[in-house]
Each structure stands twice: as C-alpha cells, then as structure tokens.
N, C-alpha and C. Protein backbone atom coordinates (compact mmCIF):
# COMPACT_ATOMS: atom_id res chain seq x y z
N MET A 1 23.89 -6.28 25.85
CA MET A 1 23.78 -5.81 24.46
C MET A 1 23.12 -6.85 23.56
N PRO A 2 23.52 -8.13 23.58
CA PRO A 2 22.86 -9.12 22.75
C PRO A 2 21.35 -9.21 23.00
N ASP A 3 20.95 -9.05 24.28
CA ASP A 3 19.52 -9.10 24.58
C ASP A 3 18.78 -7.97 23.88
N ASN A 4 19.36 -6.76 23.89
CA ASN A 4 18.73 -5.62 23.23
C ASN A 4 18.63 -5.83 21.72
N GLN A 5 19.69 -6.41 21.14
CA GLN A 5 19.68 -6.65 19.71
C GLN A 5 18.60 -7.65 19.34
N GLU A 6 18.46 -8.68 20.17
CA GLU A 6 17.45 -9.69 19.90
C GLU A 6 16.06 -9.06 19.96
N GLN A 7 15.84 -8.18 20.92
CA GLN A 7 14.54 -7.53 21.05
C GLN A 7 14.24 -6.64 19.86
N SER A 8 15.24 -5.96 19.32
CA SER A 8 15.02 -5.04 18.21
C SER A 8 14.65 -5.77 16.93
N ASN A 9 15.00 -7.07 16.85
CA ASN A 9 14.68 -7.85 15.66
C ASN A 9 13.34 -8.57 15.77
N CYS A 10 12.64 -8.37 16.87
CA CYS A 10 11.39 -9.05 17.14
C CYS A 10 10.22 -8.31 16.49
N VAL A 11 9.50 -8.98 15.58
CA VAL A 11 8.37 -8.37 14.88
C VAL A 11 7.08 -9.05 15.33
N THR A 12 6.18 -8.30 15.91
CA THR A 12 4.90 -8.82 16.35
C THR A 12 3.84 -8.55 15.28
N LEU A 13 2.69 -9.17 15.45
CA LEU A 13 1.58 -8.93 14.52
C LEU A 13 1.19 -7.46 14.51
N LYS A 14 1.09 -6.87 15.69
CA LYS A 14 0.73 -5.46 15.80
C LYS A 14 1.81 -4.57 15.17
N GLY A 15 3.06 -4.87 15.45
CA GLY A 15 4.16 -4.09 14.88
C GLY A 15 4.21 -4.19 13.37
N SER A 16 3.94 -5.38 12.85
CA SER A 16 3.93 -5.57 11.41
C SER A 16 2.78 -4.79 10.76
N GLY A 17 1.62 -4.80 11.41
CA GLY A 17 0.49 -4.02 10.90
C GLY A 17 0.83 -2.55 10.77
N GLN A 18 1.57 -2.04 11.76
CA GLN A 18 1.99 -0.64 11.74
C GLN A 18 2.97 -0.39 10.59
N LEU A 19 3.95 -1.28 10.41
CA LEU A 19 4.94 -1.13 9.35
C LEU A 19 4.30 -1.15 7.97
N VAL A 20 3.37 -2.09 7.75
CA VAL A 20 2.75 -2.24 6.43
C VAL A 20 1.83 -1.05 6.14
N SER A 21 1.05 -0.62 7.12
CA SER A 21 0.15 0.52 6.89
C SER A 21 0.95 1.80 6.63
N GLU A 22 2.09 1.95 7.32
CA GLU A 22 2.96 3.10 7.04
C GLU A 22 3.52 3.03 5.62
N PHE A 23 3.91 1.84 5.18
CA PHE A 23 4.40 1.70 3.81
C PHE A 23 3.32 2.11 2.82
N PHE A 24 2.09 1.68 3.06
CA PHE A 24 1.00 2.06 2.17
C PHE A 24 0.83 3.58 2.12
N PHE A 25 0.98 4.23 3.27
CA PHE A 25 0.85 5.68 3.32
C PHE A 25 1.89 6.35 2.42
N TYR A 26 3.14 5.94 2.58
CA TYR A 26 4.20 6.54 1.77
C TYR A 26 4.11 6.11 0.31
N GLY A 27 3.75 4.85 0.06
CA GLY A 27 3.63 4.38 -1.30
C GLY A 27 2.52 5.07 -2.07
N ILE A 28 1.36 5.23 -1.44
CA ILE A 28 0.23 5.90 -2.10
C ILE A 28 0.58 7.36 -2.38
N ASN A 29 1.16 8.03 -1.40
CA ASN A 29 1.58 9.43 -1.61
C ASN A 29 2.55 9.53 -2.78
N SER A 30 3.48 8.59 -2.86
CA SER A 30 4.47 8.62 -3.93
C SER A 30 3.81 8.45 -5.29
N ILE A 31 2.83 7.54 -5.38
CA ILE A 31 2.13 7.33 -6.64
C ILE A 31 1.35 8.59 -7.03
N LEU A 32 0.66 9.19 -6.08
CA LEU A 32 -0.10 10.41 -6.37
C LEU A 32 0.81 11.52 -6.88
N TYR A 33 2.02 11.60 -6.31
CA TYR A 33 2.97 12.63 -6.75
C TYR A 33 3.56 12.28 -8.11
N GLN A 34 4.07 11.05 -8.23
CA GLN A 34 4.75 10.65 -9.47
C GLN A 34 3.81 10.67 -10.67
N ARG A 35 2.54 10.34 -10.47
CA ARG A 35 1.60 10.27 -11.58
C ARG A 35 0.87 11.59 -11.82
N GLY A 36 1.21 12.62 -11.04
CA GLY A 36 0.67 13.95 -11.27
C GLY A 36 -0.81 14.08 -11.00
N ILE A 37 -1.34 13.29 -10.07
CA ILE A 37 -2.77 13.36 -9.75
C ILE A 37 -3.10 14.71 -9.11
N TYR A 38 -2.15 15.26 -8.38
CA TYR A 38 -2.29 16.60 -7.80
C TYR A 38 -1.05 17.39 -8.19
N PRO A 39 -1.15 18.72 -8.25
CA PRO A 39 0.02 19.53 -8.65
C PRO A 39 1.18 19.36 -7.67
N PRO A 40 2.42 19.42 -8.18
CA PRO A 40 3.60 19.19 -7.33
C PRO A 40 3.71 20.17 -6.17
N GLU A 41 3.16 21.37 -6.32
CA GLU A 41 3.25 22.35 -5.23
C GLU A 41 2.36 21.99 -4.04
N SER A 42 1.49 20.99 -4.21
CA SER A 42 0.64 20.56 -3.09
C SER A 42 1.26 19.40 -2.32
N PHE A 43 2.57 19.19 -2.51
CA PHE A 43 3.29 18.15 -1.78
C PHE A 43 4.46 18.76 -1.03
N THR A 44 4.79 18.12 0.08
CA THR A 44 6.03 18.43 0.79
C THR A 44 6.87 17.16 0.76
N TYR A 45 8.02 17.16 1.38
CA TYR A 45 8.86 15.96 1.32
C TYR A 45 9.52 15.69 2.66
N LYS A 46 9.94 14.45 2.85
CA LYS A 46 10.67 14.04 4.04
C LYS A 46 11.53 12.83 3.69
N GLN A 47 12.41 12.48 4.58
CA GLN A 47 13.25 11.31 4.40
C GLN A 47 12.57 10.09 5.04
N GLN A 48 12.45 9.01 4.27
CA GLN A 48 11.88 7.77 4.78
C GLN A 48 12.49 6.62 4.01
N TYR A 49 12.86 5.56 4.71
CA TYR A 49 13.51 4.39 4.10
C TYR A 49 14.82 4.76 3.39
N GLY A 50 15.43 5.87 3.80
CA GLY A 50 16.66 6.31 3.15
C GLY A 50 16.41 7.00 1.83
N LEU A 51 15.16 7.38 1.56
CA LEU A 51 14.79 8.06 0.32
C LEU A 51 14.08 9.36 0.63
N THR A 52 14.03 10.25 -0.36
CA THR A 52 13.17 11.43 -0.26
C THR A 52 11.80 11.05 -0.78
N VAL A 53 10.79 11.13 0.08
CA VAL A 53 9.43 10.79 -0.34
C VAL A 53 8.56 12.04 -0.27
N PHE A 54 7.58 12.11 -1.15
CA PHE A 54 6.71 13.28 -1.24
C PHE A 54 5.36 12.97 -0.62
N LEU A 55 4.86 13.92 0.19
CA LEU A 55 3.61 13.74 0.93
C LEU A 55 2.66 14.87 0.62
N THR A 56 1.40 14.53 0.40
CA THR A 56 0.40 15.55 0.11
C THR A 56 0.21 16.49 1.30
N THR A 57 -0.04 17.75 0.99
CA THR A 57 -0.39 18.72 2.04
C THR A 57 -1.87 19.06 1.99
N ASP A 58 -2.60 18.44 1.07
CA ASP A 58 -4.04 18.67 0.94
C ASP A 58 -4.76 18.05 2.13
N GLU A 59 -5.45 18.85 2.91
CA GLU A 59 -6.06 18.36 4.14
C GLU A 59 -7.12 17.30 3.88
N GLY A 60 -7.88 17.45 2.80
CA GLY A 60 -8.90 16.47 2.47
C GLY A 60 -8.31 15.11 2.13
N VAL A 61 -7.25 15.12 1.33
CA VAL A 61 -6.59 13.88 0.95
C VAL A 61 -5.93 13.24 2.17
N LYS A 62 -5.28 14.04 3.01
CA LYS A 62 -4.64 13.53 4.21
C LYS A 62 -5.66 12.86 5.14
N LYS A 63 -6.80 13.51 5.32
CA LYS A 63 -7.83 12.95 6.20
C LYS A 63 -8.35 11.63 5.63
N TYR A 64 -8.56 11.58 4.32
CA TYR A 64 -9.05 10.36 3.67
C TYR A 64 -8.05 9.22 3.86
N LEU A 65 -6.78 9.49 3.56
CA LEU A 65 -5.76 8.45 3.69
C LEU A 65 -5.61 7.98 5.13
N ASN A 66 -5.59 8.90 6.07
CA ASN A 66 -5.42 8.53 7.47
C ASN A 66 -6.59 7.67 7.96
N THR A 67 -7.81 8.01 7.52
CA THR A 67 -8.98 7.25 7.93
C THR A 67 -8.94 5.83 7.36
N VAL A 68 -8.67 5.73 6.06
CA VAL A 68 -8.64 4.42 5.41
C VAL A 68 -7.52 3.56 5.97
N LEU A 69 -6.34 4.12 6.13
CA LEU A 69 -5.19 3.33 6.56
C LEU A 69 -5.26 2.94 8.02
N ALA A 70 -5.94 3.73 8.85
CA ALA A 70 -6.16 3.32 10.24
C ALA A 70 -7.03 2.06 10.29
N GLN A 71 -8.05 2.03 9.43
CA GLN A 71 -8.91 0.84 9.36
C GLN A 71 -8.14 -0.35 8.79
N ILE A 72 -7.31 -0.10 7.77
CA ILE A 72 -6.51 -1.17 7.18
C ILE A 72 -5.56 -1.76 8.21
N LYS A 73 -4.97 -0.92 9.04
CA LYS A 73 -4.07 -1.41 10.09
C LYS A 73 -4.81 -2.40 10.99
N ASP A 74 -6.04 -2.06 11.38
CA ASP A 74 -6.82 -2.96 12.23
C ASP A 74 -7.09 -4.28 11.51
N TRP A 75 -7.43 -4.21 10.22
CA TRP A 75 -7.72 -5.43 9.47
C TRP A 75 -6.46 -6.25 9.23
N LEU A 76 -5.31 -5.60 9.09
CA LEU A 76 -4.04 -6.33 8.98
C LEU A 76 -3.79 -7.16 10.24
N GLU A 77 -4.03 -6.55 11.38
CA GLU A 77 -3.81 -7.24 12.66
C GLU A 77 -4.80 -8.37 12.86
N ALA A 78 -6.00 -8.21 12.29
CA ALA A 78 -7.04 -9.23 12.44
C ALA A 78 -6.95 -10.32 11.36
N GLY A 79 -6.06 -10.11 10.37
CA GLY A 79 -5.95 -11.09 9.29
C GLY A 79 -7.15 -11.09 8.38
N GLN A 80 -7.78 -9.92 8.20
CA GLN A 80 -9.03 -9.84 7.46
C GLN A 80 -8.91 -9.09 6.14
N ILE A 81 -7.72 -8.87 5.66
CA ILE A 81 -7.52 -8.12 4.42
C ILE A 81 -6.56 -8.89 3.52
N SER A 82 -6.88 -8.91 2.22
CA SER A 82 -6.03 -9.64 1.28
C SER A 82 -5.42 -8.74 0.20
N ARG A 83 -6.05 -7.59 -0.06
CA ARG A 83 -5.51 -6.70 -1.10
C ARG A 83 -5.91 -5.26 -0.82
N LEU A 84 -5.02 -4.36 -1.22
CA LEU A 84 -5.32 -2.93 -1.28
C LEU A 84 -5.01 -2.50 -2.70
N VAL A 85 -5.98 -1.84 -3.35
CA VAL A 85 -5.80 -1.43 -4.74
C VAL A 85 -6.03 0.07 -4.85
N LEU A 86 -5.06 0.77 -5.44
CA LEU A 86 -5.21 2.19 -5.74
C LEU A 86 -5.61 2.29 -7.20
N VAL A 87 -6.77 2.87 -7.44
CA VAL A 87 -7.30 3.00 -8.79
C VAL A 87 -7.19 4.46 -9.23
N ILE A 88 -6.60 4.68 -10.40
CA ILE A 88 -6.53 6.02 -10.99
C ILE A 88 -7.48 6.04 -12.19
N SER A 89 -8.39 7.00 -12.20
CA SER A 89 -9.43 7.06 -13.23
C SER A 89 -9.47 8.43 -13.88
N ASN A 90 -9.98 8.46 -15.10
CA ASN A 90 -10.28 9.72 -15.76
C ASN A 90 -11.43 10.39 -15.01
N ALA A 91 -11.21 11.58 -14.52
CA ALA A 91 -12.21 12.25 -13.68
C ALA A 91 -13.48 12.58 -14.44
N ASP A 92 -13.40 12.71 -15.76
CA ASP A 92 -14.57 13.09 -16.56
C ASP A 92 -15.48 11.91 -16.87
N ASN A 93 -14.89 10.81 -17.36
CA ASN A 93 -15.74 9.67 -17.77
C ASN A 93 -15.59 8.45 -16.86
N LYS A 94 -14.77 8.56 -15.79
CA LYS A 94 -14.60 7.49 -14.79
C LYS A 94 -13.90 6.25 -15.34
N GLU A 95 -13.29 6.34 -16.52
CA GLU A 95 -12.57 5.20 -17.08
C GLU A 95 -11.32 4.91 -16.24
N THR A 96 -11.12 3.64 -15.90
CA THR A 96 -9.95 3.25 -15.13
C THR A 96 -8.71 3.25 -16.02
N LEU A 97 -7.68 3.98 -15.59
CA LEU A 97 -6.45 4.10 -16.38
C LEU A 97 -5.31 3.29 -15.78
N GLU A 98 -5.27 3.19 -14.45
CA GLU A 98 -4.21 2.43 -13.77
C GLU A 98 -4.78 1.76 -12.53
N ARG A 99 -4.24 0.57 -12.21
CA ARG A 99 -4.55 -0.13 -10.96
C ARG A 99 -3.23 -0.52 -10.30
N TRP A 100 -2.99 0.01 -9.13
CA TRP A 100 -1.82 -0.36 -8.34
C TRP A 100 -2.29 -1.36 -7.29
N ASP A 101 -1.89 -2.60 -7.46
CA ASP A 101 -2.43 -3.71 -6.68
C ASP A 101 -1.39 -4.19 -5.66
N PHE A 102 -1.73 -4.05 -4.39
CA PHE A 102 -0.87 -4.52 -3.31
C PHE A 102 -1.52 -5.77 -2.69
N ARG A 103 -0.95 -6.93 -2.94
CA ARG A 103 -1.52 -8.18 -2.44
C ARG A 103 -0.85 -8.56 -1.13
N ILE A 104 -1.67 -8.88 -0.16
CA ILE A 104 -1.19 -9.09 1.21
C ILE A 104 -1.38 -10.55 1.61
N GLN A 105 -0.31 -11.16 2.06
CA GLN A 105 -0.38 -12.52 2.58
C GLN A 105 0.15 -12.53 4.01
N HIS A 106 -0.42 -13.40 4.83
CA HIS A 106 0.13 -13.61 6.17
C HIS A 106 1.14 -14.76 6.09
N GLU A 107 2.31 -14.52 6.64
CA GLU A 107 3.31 -15.57 6.64
C GLU A 107 2.86 -16.72 7.55
N LYS A 108 3.48 -17.88 7.38
CA LYS A 108 3.08 -19.08 8.10
C LYS A 108 3.08 -18.86 9.61
N GLY A 109 1.99 -19.22 10.24
CA GLY A 109 1.85 -19.07 11.69
C GLY A 109 1.11 -17.82 12.10
N PHE A 110 0.87 -16.91 11.12
CA PHE A 110 0.17 -15.66 11.43
C PHE A 110 -1.15 -15.53 10.65
N GLU A 111 -1.62 -16.64 10.10
CA GLU A 111 -2.88 -16.61 9.38
C GLU A 111 -4.03 -16.37 10.35
N ALA A 112 -5.14 -15.84 9.80
CA ALA A 112 -6.34 -15.63 10.62
C ALA A 112 -6.79 -16.98 11.18
N GLY A 113 -7.15 -16.98 12.45
CA GLY A 113 -7.60 -18.22 13.09
C GLY A 113 -6.50 -18.96 13.82
N GLN A 114 -5.25 -18.58 13.59
CA GLN A 114 -4.13 -19.21 14.30
C GLN A 114 -4.22 -18.83 15.78
N LYS A 115 -4.21 -19.80 16.66
CA LYS A 115 -4.52 -19.56 18.07
C LYS A 115 -3.59 -18.56 18.74
N ASP A 116 -2.29 -18.68 18.50
CA ASP A 116 -1.33 -17.84 19.23
C ASP A 116 -0.79 -16.70 18.39
N ARG A 117 -1.50 -16.36 17.30
CA ARG A 117 -0.98 -15.36 16.36
C ARG A 117 -0.83 -13.98 16.99
N ASN A 118 -1.65 -13.65 17.99
CA ASN A 118 -1.59 -12.33 18.62
C ASN A 118 -0.45 -12.18 19.62
N THR A 119 0.08 -13.30 20.07
CA THR A 119 1.13 -13.24 21.09
C THR A 119 2.50 -13.66 20.57
N LYS A 120 2.54 -14.35 19.43
CA LYS A 120 3.83 -14.81 18.92
C LYS A 120 4.53 -13.68 18.16
N SER A 121 5.78 -13.86 17.86
CA SER A 121 6.55 -12.88 17.12
C SER A 121 7.49 -13.60 16.17
N ALA A 122 8.02 -12.86 15.21
CA ALA A 122 8.98 -13.39 14.24
C ALA A 122 10.26 -12.58 14.31
N GLU A 123 11.32 -13.12 13.75
CA GLU A 123 12.61 -12.45 13.79
C GLU A 123 12.97 -11.89 12.41
N LYS A 124 13.13 -10.59 12.34
CA LYS A 124 13.66 -9.97 11.13
C LYS A 124 14.13 -8.57 11.49
N ASP A 125 15.32 -8.24 11.02
CA ASP A 125 15.91 -6.95 11.35
C ASP A 125 15.12 -5.83 10.67
N LEU A 126 14.82 -4.77 11.41
CA LEU A 126 14.06 -3.64 10.88
C LEU A 126 14.76 -3.02 9.68
N LYS A 127 16.08 -2.96 9.70
CA LYS A 127 16.82 -2.39 8.58
C LYS A 127 16.61 -3.20 7.31
N GLU A 128 16.51 -4.52 7.44
CA GLU A 128 16.28 -5.38 6.28
C GLU A 128 14.87 -5.16 5.73
N ILE A 129 13.89 -5.03 6.62
CA ILE A 129 12.52 -4.76 6.19
C ILE A 129 12.46 -3.44 5.43
N GLN A 130 13.09 -2.40 6.00
CA GLN A 130 13.08 -1.08 5.37
C GLN A 130 13.84 -1.09 4.05
N LYS A 131 14.87 -1.90 3.95
CA LYS A 131 15.62 -2.03 2.69
C LYS A 131 14.71 -2.59 1.59
N GLU A 132 13.93 -3.62 1.93
CA GLU A 132 13.00 -4.20 0.96
C GLU A 132 11.93 -3.19 0.56
N MET A 133 11.42 -2.44 1.54
CA MET A 133 10.43 -1.40 1.25
C MET A 133 11.02 -0.32 0.36
N ARG A 134 12.28 0.04 0.62
CA ARG A 134 12.95 1.06 -0.18
C ARG A 134 13.04 0.63 -1.64
N GLU A 135 13.32 -0.65 -1.88
CA GLU A 135 13.42 -1.13 -3.26
C GLU A 135 12.09 -1.03 -3.99
N VAL A 136 10.99 -1.32 -3.29
CA VAL A 136 9.67 -1.18 -3.91
C VAL A 136 9.38 0.29 -4.21
N MET A 137 9.71 1.17 -3.25
CA MET A 137 9.49 2.61 -3.45
C MET A 137 10.29 3.11 -4.65
N ARG A 138 11.51 2.62 -4.81
CA ARG A 138 12.32 3.02 -5.96
C ARG A 138 11.68 2.57 -7.27
N GLN A 139 11.11 1.38 -7.25
CA GLN A 139 10.46 0.89 -8.46
C GLN A 139 9.21 1.70 -8.78
N ILE A 140 8.47 2.12 -7.75
CA ILE A 140 7.29 2.97 -7.98
C ILE A 140 7.72 4.24 -8.71
N THR A 141 8.81 4.84 -8.27
CA THR A 141 9.32 6.05 -8.92
C THR A 141 9.77 5.76 -10.35
N ALA A 142 10.42 4.61 -10.54
CA ALA A 142 10.94 4.26 -11.87
C ALA A 142 9.84 3.96 -12.86
N CYS A 143 8.65 3.60 -12.38
CA CYS A 143 7.54 3.26 -13.28
C CYS A 143 7.15 4.43 -14.19
N VAL A 144 7.47 5.64 -13.78
CA VAL A 144 7.14 6.82 -14.60
C VAL A 144 7.79 6.73 -15.98
N THR A 145 8.88 6.00 -16.08
CA THR A 145 9.61 5.93 -17.35
C THR A 145 8.87 5.13 -18.42
N PHE A 146 7.94 4.24 -18.02
CA PHE A 146 7.23 3.45 -19.02
C PHE A 146 5.71 3.61 -18.98
N LEU A 147 5.16 4.13 -17.90
CA LEU A 147 3.71 4.30 -17.83
C LEU A 147 3.26 5.42 -18.78
N PRO A 148 2.12 5.26 -19.44
CA PRO A 148 1.63 6.30 -20.36
C PRO A 148 1.38 7.62 -19.63
N LEU A 149 1.57 8.71 -20.33
CA LEU A 149 1.31 10.03 -19.77
C LEU A 149 -0.18 10.18 -19.48
N LEU A 150 -0.50 10.62 -18.27
CA LEU A 150 -1.89 10.90 -17.91
C LEU A 150 -2.18 12.35 -18.27
N ASP A 151 -2.70 12.57 -19.48
CA ASP A 151 -2.89 13.95 -19.96
C ASP A 151 -4.33 14.42 -19.79
N CYS A 152 -5.02 13.84 -18.82
CA CYS A 152 -6.38 14.27 -18.50
C CYS A 152 -6.47 14.49 -16.99
N THR A 153 -7.52 15.13 -16.55
CA THR A 153 -7.73 15.29 -15.12
C THR A 153 -8.11 13.94 -14.51
N CYS A 154 -7.38 13.54 -13.49
CA CYS A 154 -7.58 12.21 -12.91
C CYS A 154 -8.02 12.29 -11.46
N SER A 155 -8.66 11.24 -11.01
CA SER A 155 -9.01 11.08 -9.61
C SER A 155 -8.53 9.72 -9.15
N PHE A 156 -8.53 9.49 -7.86
CA PHE A 156 -8.09 8.18 -7.37
C PHE A 156 -9.06 7.67 -6.31
N ASP A 157 -9.05 6.36 -6.13
CA ASP A 157 -9.85 5.73 -5.09
C ASP A 157 -9.07 4.54 -4.56
N LEU A 158 -9.41 4.12 -3.37
CA LEU A 158 -8.78 2.95 -2.76
C LEU A 158 -9.82 1.85 -2.60
N LEU A 159 -9.50 0.67 -3.11
CA LEU A 159 -10.34 -0.51 -2.96
C LEU A 159 -9.68 -1.46 -1.98
N VAL A 160 -10.44 -1.97 -1.04
CA VAL A 160 -9.90 -2.88 -0.03
C VAL A 160 -10.63 -4.21 -0.14
N TYR A 161 -9.88 -5.28 -0.34
CA TYR A 161 -10.45 -6.61 -0.41
C TYR A 161 -10.35 -7.26 0.97
N THR A 162 -11.51 -7.51 1.58
CA THR A 162 -11.55 -8.11 2.92
C THR A 162 -12.18 -9.49 2.86
N HIS A 163 -12.06 -10.22 3.95
CA HIS A 163 -12.71 -11.52 4.03
C HIS A 163 -14.23 -11.34 4.07
N LYS A 164 -14.93 -12.37 3.65
CA LYS A 164 -16.39 -12.31 3.64
C LYS A 164 -16.95 -12.21 5.06
N ASN A 165 -18.13 -11.67 5.15
CA ASN A 165 -18.87 -11.56 6.42
C ASN A 165 -18.16 -10.68 7.45
N LEU A 166 -17.34 -9.77 6.96
CA LEU A 166 -16.65 -8.84 7.85
C LEU A 166 -17.51 -7.61 8.08
N ASP A 167 -17.63 -7.19 9.33
CA ASP A 167 -18.34 -5.96 9.63
C ASP A 167 -17.48 -4.78 9.20
N VAL A 168 -18.03 -3.92 8.37
CA VAL A 168 -17.29 -2.75 7.90
C VAL A 168 -17.99 -1.48 8.37
N PRO A 169 -17.24 -0.39 8.50
CA PRO A 169 -17.87 0.88 8.91
C PRO A 169 -18.99 1.29 7.97
N ASP A 170 -19.98 1.99 8.49
CA ASP A 170 -21.15 2.38 7.70
C ASP A 170 -20.80 3.22 6.48
N GLU A 171 -19.72 4.03 6.60
CA GLU A 171 -19.37 4.92 5.49
C GLU A 171 -18.66 4.20 4.35
N TRP A 172 -18.33 2.91 4.55
CA TRP A 172 -17.70 2.13 3.48
C TRP A 172 -18.80 1.48 2.64
N GLY A 173 -18.57 1.36 1.34
CA GLY A 173 -19.55 0.75 0.46
C GLY A 173 -18.90 -0.20 -0.53
N ASP A 174 -19.73 -1.04 -1.14
CA ASP A 174 -19.23 -1.96 -2.16
C ASP A 174 -18.82 -1.17 -3.41
N SER A 175 -17.88 -1.73 -4.14
CA SER A 175 -17.38 -1.06 -5.34
C SER A 175 -17.11 -2.08 -6.42
N ALA A 176 -17.17 -1.63 -7.66
CA ALA A 176 -16.74 -2.48 -8.78
C ALA A 176 -15.23 -2.67 -8.70
N ALA A 177 -14.74 -3.72 -9.35
CA ALA A 177 -13.31 -4.03 -9.29
C ALA A 177 -12.46 -3.06 -10.09
N CYS A 178 -13.07 -2.33 -11.03
CA CYS A 178 -12.35 -1.33 -11.84
C CYS A 178 -11.21 -1.94 -12.64
N TYR A 179 -11.45 -3.12 -13.21
CA TYR A 179 -10.42 -3.75 -14.03
C TYR A 179 -10.25 -3.00 -15.35
N ILE A 180 -9.09 -3.19 -15.97
CA ILE A 180 -8.77 -2.55 -17.24
C ILE A 180 -8.75 -3.63 -18.32
N ALA A 181 -9.56 -3.48 -19.35
CA ALA A 181 -9.59 -4.46 -20.44
C ALA A 181 -8.27 -4.43 -21.21
N ASP A 182 -7.74 -5.62 -21.49
CA ASP A 182 -6.49 -5.74 -22.27
C ASP A 182 -5.36 -4.91 -21.65
N ALA A 183 -5.25 -4.98 -20.34
CA ALA A 183 -4.25 -4.17 -19.63
C ALA A 183 -2.84 -4.74 -19.78
N GLU A 184 -1.88 -3.86 -19.76
CA GLU A 184 -0.48 -4.24 -19.59
C GLU A 184 -0.20 -4.27 -18.08
N SER A 185 0.61 -5.22 -17.63
CA SER A 185 0.90 -5.34 -16.20
C SER A 185 2.39 -5.51 -15.97
N VAL A 186 2.87 -4.91 -14.90
CA VAL A 186 4.27 -5.04 -14.50
C VAL A 186 4.32 -5.37 -13.02
N ARG A 187 5.01 -6.44 -12.67
CA ARG A 187 5.17 -6.81 -11.27
C ARG A 187 6.39 -6.11 -10.68
N LEU A 188 6.21 -5.58 -9.51
CA LEU A 188 7.31 -4.96 -8.78
C LEU A 188 7.84 -5.96 -7.75
N LYS A 189 8.88 -5.59 -7.06
CA LYS A 189 9.43 -6.45 -6.02
C LYS A 189 8.45 -6.55 -4.85
N SER A 190 8.64 -7.57 -4.05
CA SER A 190 7.82 -7.76 -2.86
C SER A 190 8.66 -7.44 -1.62
N PHE A 191 7.98 -7.28 -0.49
CA PHE A 191 8.70 -7.17 0.78
C PHE A 191 7.96 -7.98 1.82
N SER A 192 8.68 -8.36 2.86
CA SER A 192 8.09 -9.14 3.94
C SER A 192 8.58 -8.63 5.29
N THR A 193 7.66 -8.53 6.22
CA THR A 193 8.04 -8.18 7.60
C THR A 193 8.33 -9.43 8.40
N SER A 194 8.16 -10.60 7.79
CA SER A 194 8.18 -11.94 8.39
C SER A 194 6.84 -12.28 9.04
N VAL A 195 5.92 -11.32 9.06
CA VAL A 195 4.54 -11.56 9.50
C VAL A 195 3.59 -11.37 8.32
N HIS A 196 3.78 -10.26 7.59
CA HIS A 196 3.01 -9.98 6.38
C HIS A 196 3.97 -9.95 5.18
N LYS A 197 3.49 -10.43 4.05
CA LYS A 197 4.21 -10.29 2.79
C LYS A 197 3.34 -9.49 1.84
N VAL A 198 3.94 -8.52 1.13
CA VAL A 198 3.20 -7.66 0.21
C VAL A 198 3.83 -7.75 -1.17
N ASP A 199 3.03 -8.15 -2.15
CA ASP A 199 3.44 -8.18 -3.55
C ASP A 199 2.76 -7.02 -4.27
N THR A 200 3.49 -6.34 -5.14
CA THR A 200 2.97 -5.16 -5.81
C THR A 200 2.98 -5.36 -7.33
N CYS A 201 1.91 -4.91 -7.96
CA CYS A 201 1.78 -4.99 -9.41
C CYS A 201 1.04 -3.74 -9.89
N VAL A 202 1.45 -3.19 -11.03
CA VAL A 202 0.72 -2.07 -11.62
C VAL A 202 0.19 -2.52 -12.99
N SER A 203 -1.10 -2.29 -13.20
CA SER A 203 -1.73 -2.56 -14.49
C SER A 203 -2.17 -1.23 -15.09
N TYR A 204 -2.06 -1.11 -16.40
CA TYR A 204 -2.36 0.19 -17.00
C TYR A 204 -2.91 0.04 -18.41
N LYS A 205 -3.64 1.05 -18.81
CA LYS A 205 -4.18 1.11 -20.18
C LYS A 205 -3.10 1.64 -21.09
N LEU A 206 -2.72 0.86 -22.07
CA LEU A 206 -1.58 1.22 -22.90
C LEU A 206 -1.88 2.40 -23.81
N ASN A 207 -3.04 2.40 -24.44
CA ASN A 207 -3.38 3.46 -25.37
C ASN A 207 -4.47 4.35 -24.76
N LEU A 208 -4.05 5.49 -24.24
CA LEU A 208 -5.01 6.40 -23.59
C LEU A 208 -5.71 7.26 -24.64
C-alpha cells in the first residue's frame, strides 16, 4: 500500500502538462460562460475539481480550444511557453475589454534545457493540486461581482507567449499584445503541480 501511495503522488513533466492544459480548458470555458460571451443555453455542465463547471457545446469553439490546448500541452512539456492570455474584445470595433493572463513558470529542475527534466518527477498529492485549481476556479466565478458588465457583442481570442525561435504551426500567426490602457488589474491565486506554477491575473477596462 505505501508503494502505491508513493506512486500516486509522483508528478512527471508529461503528467503536469496534461494537468495544466486541462485546467486551461475548464478555466477558459468558465470565463466564456461567466462573462456571457456565448448564450447560457450553449453550455452544458459537469463536475470537476469538486465544482460544477460549464462547458461549451458549440462545435466550432470546442474544435478551436482542443486544437490550441493540444499544442499548448506539447509546449508545456518542452518548456517553450511562458504565458497564455485570453482576450475578450468588442466584436464591432475590436477594442480589448478584458485580458485573462495565465503566467507559467517551470519549477526548479524542470526548466527548459535541464538534462534530466524529461525523466525526473516531483512529489505532490493530486488532491492538493486539484484543491489549488479549485480555488482559482472559484475566484474566476467570483470575478463577476466586480468586473464591468459586457453589454456589447464580444469575441475572444487566445494569445500564447512562446520562447523565441520556436517553430510554430503554419496556421498560427503573430498578434498584437491587446493591452488595455489604464487598466484595472486583480491577481487571483496561483497553483502549482510541483513541475509547473501558474499565476492568474485579470485586467479590465473600468469604464466601458
């Protein structure tokens, strides 16, 4: 029994990449639902991290998220990604209204270029990781209480910050940073898999 318990607490680089990309999937879906980017009837729900989370049923959005997050998972494992940003914009004039910034750090020993990073593992209980993720998800939901009402038709995009000289798929292109002038910002809690650490911050335009 102790051997099994020890194995269950073992987090590898590949396993951490899977956990973080899954968190991004649920976190992005939650933001799209909470901020009303799509009508509530276009979402379904499931239990994750001990919470009820809402997931889009729109096939186009699902395909987009799955494609982007599959690539992000690969870059997480390669140590080639530093940030994922969800940008919410006014669909008519393209003005950026919100930026959800997920900053990614590799914990000590798992940085890009570390010789044994692909074979080594770290110790952290999965329940503890999911507890930390649950707290961030709760904060995402709570942000609705202070974020300005989005009373226009909005669209969203995902920006990925990668290391320089990285080969990217042909369908990916360069993008502006979509910063918000004189933005208000709120930092949310962070979580760590003991391989990757993710800090979350939301910036928004106060007067829409």
